[in-house]
């Protein structure tokens, strides 16, 4: 949950217009700084997430199709990996994994 509270949202760093790079120590990372910090409501569905991203990134959905990726810690290797978000189940899992972690107070989307 966001900041350990009972809020109904989590904050999200948005990364865009760069490249995912592999780091031998920490795993996957992005080669540019985040461009926006936005609020994601826990009841958000995939279509709503796309609408939000198109609006916040000032992208015309009739001209470009976004590919949404989430940076997540692989607890087996203790390194970050990138997982695609392609439907409502992926969005729901993103929020459920936050609820169970206790320490993650934001998500990172590429």
Protein backbone atom coordinates (compact mmCIF):
# COMPACT_ATOMS: atom_id res chain seq x y z
CA UNK A 1 0.00 0.00 0.00
CA UNK A 2 1.10 3.54 -0.53
CA UNK A 3 3.23 4.82 2.32
CA UNK A 4 1.97 2.11 4.68
CA UNK A 5 -1.48 3.70 4.85
CA UNK A 6 -4.90 2.37 3.92
CA UNK A 7 -5.08 4.61 0.85
CA UNK A 8 -6.66 3.40 -2.36
CA UNK A 9 -3.78 4.29 -4.64
CA UNK A 10 -0.07 3.87 -5.23
CA UNK A 11 2.35 6.34 -6.78
CA UNK A 12 3.98 5.45 -10.09
CA UNK A 13 7.18 6.59 -11.77
CA UNK A 14 6.74 6.77 -15.56
CA UNK A 15 9.78 6.22 -17.77
CA UNK A 16 9.55 6.90 -21.49
CA UNK A 17 11.59 7.38 -24.66
CA UNK A 18 14.66 5.47 -23.54
CA UNK A 19 16.03 1.95 -23.33
CA UNK A 20 15.98 -0.85 -20.80
CA UNK A 21 19.50 -1.90 -19.90
CA UNK A 22 20.81 -4.89 -17.99
CA UNK A 23 22.99 -4.32 -14.96
CA UNK A 24 24.87 -7.32 -13.54
CA UNK A 25 24.36 -6.13 -9.97
CA UNK A 26 20.75 -4.92 -9.84
CA UNK A 27 19.21 -6.39 -13.00
CA UNK A 28 17.05 -4.38 -15.39
CA UNK A 29 17.03 -0.59 -15.25
CA UNK A 30 16.18 2.32 -17.53
CA UNK A 31 18.74 4.61 -19.15
CA UNK A 32 16.76 7.82 -18.58
CA UNK A 33 15.25 9.49 -15.54
CA UNK A 34 11.51 9.17 -14.96
CA UNK A 35 9.49 11.86 -16.69
CA UNK A 36 6.31 11.83 -14.57
CA UNK A 37 5.06 10.76 -11.16
CA UNK A 38 1.36 9.81 -11.23
CA UNK A 39 -1.23 8.28 -8.93
CA UNK A 40 -2.64 4.84 -9.81
CA UNK A 41 -5.94 3.90 -8.16
CA UNK A 42 -6.12 0.28 -7.02
CA UNK A 43 -9.38 -0.30 -8.94
CA UNK A 44 -7.71 0.68 -12.23
CA UNK A 45 -8.14 -1.70 -15.16
CA UNK A 46 -5.86 -2.12 -18.19
CA UNK A 47 -7.92 0.16 -20.45
CA UNK A 48 -7.92 2.88 -17.80
CA UNK A 49 -4.18 2.50 -17.33
CA UNK A 50 -3.62 2.96 -21.05
CA UNK A 51 -5.89 6.02 -21.11
CA UNK A 52 -3.96 7.52 -18.19
CA UNK A 53 -0.59 6.85 -19.81
CA UNK A 54 -1.63 8.33 -23.15
CA UNK A 55 -2.88 11.47 -21.38
CA UNK A 56 0.09 11.92 -19.04
CA UNK A 57 2.65 11.28 -21.77
CA UNK A 58 0.80 13.45 -24.32
CA UNK A 59 0.68 10.60 -26.85
CA UNK A 60 -2.03 10.27 -29.51
CA UNK A 61 -3.40 6.68 -29.26
CA UNK A 62 -4.55 6.83 -32.88
CA UNK A 63 -0.93 7.31 -33.97
CA UNK A 64 1.04 5.19 -31.46
CA UNK A 65 0.48 2.01 -29.50
CA UNK A 66 2.08 1.86 -26.06
CA UNK A 67 3.81 -1.25 -24.79
CA UNK A 68 3.60 -1.18 -20.98
CA UNK A 69 6.28 -2.84 -18.87
CA UNK A 70 6.65 -3.01 -15.11
CA UNK A 71 9.92 -3.22 -13.21
CA UNK A 72 9.64 -5.81 -10.45
CA UNK A 73 12.08 -7.43 -8.05
CA UNK A 74 12.67 -11.15 -8.63
CA UNK A 75 12.89 -12.43 -5.07
CA UNK A 76 14.78 -15.56 -6.16
CA UNK A 77 17.69 -13.68 -7.75
CA UNK A 78 17.24 -10.41 -5.83
CA UNK A 79 17.53 -8.56 -9.15
CA UNK A 80 15.01 -6.43 -11.01
CA UNK A 81 13.28 -7.83 -14.09
CA UNK A 82 10.80 -6.32 -16.51
CA UNK A 83 7.34 -7.85 -16.86
CA UNK A 84 4.79 -6.90 -19.53
CA UNK A 85 1.36 -5.55 -18.62
CA UNK A 86 -1.09 -6.62 -21.34
CA UNK A 87 -4.47 -7.08 -19.64
CA UNK A 88 -6.58 -6.59 -16.50
CA UNK A 89 -5.00 -9.63 -14.81
CA UNK A 90 -1.52 -8.12 -15.10
CA UNK A 91 -2.71 -4.82 -13.62
CA UNK A 92 -4.44 -6.66 -10.77
CA UNK A 93 -1.31 -8.72 -10.07
CA UNK A 94 0.78 -5.53 -9.98
CA UNK A 95 -1.44 -4.15 -7.22
CA UNK A 96 -1.68 -7.47 -5.35
CA UNK A 97 2.10 -7.82 -5.27
CA UNK A 98 2.32 -4.34 -3.70
CA UNK A 99 -0.19 -5.29 -1.01
CA UNK A 100 1.90 -8.30 -0.04
CA UNK A 101 5.30 -6.64 -0.01
CA UNK A 102 4.80 -4.22 2.86
CA UNK A 103 7.73 -2.08 1.79
CA UNK A 104 7.13 -1.09 -1.84
CA UNK A 105 5.50 2.32 -1.92
CA UNK A 106 5.56 2.93 -5.69
CA UNK A 107 5.61 1.16 -9.03
CA UNK A 108 7.83 1.81 -12.03
CA UNK A 109 6.37 1.61 -15.52
CA UNK A 110 8.43 1.69 -18.71
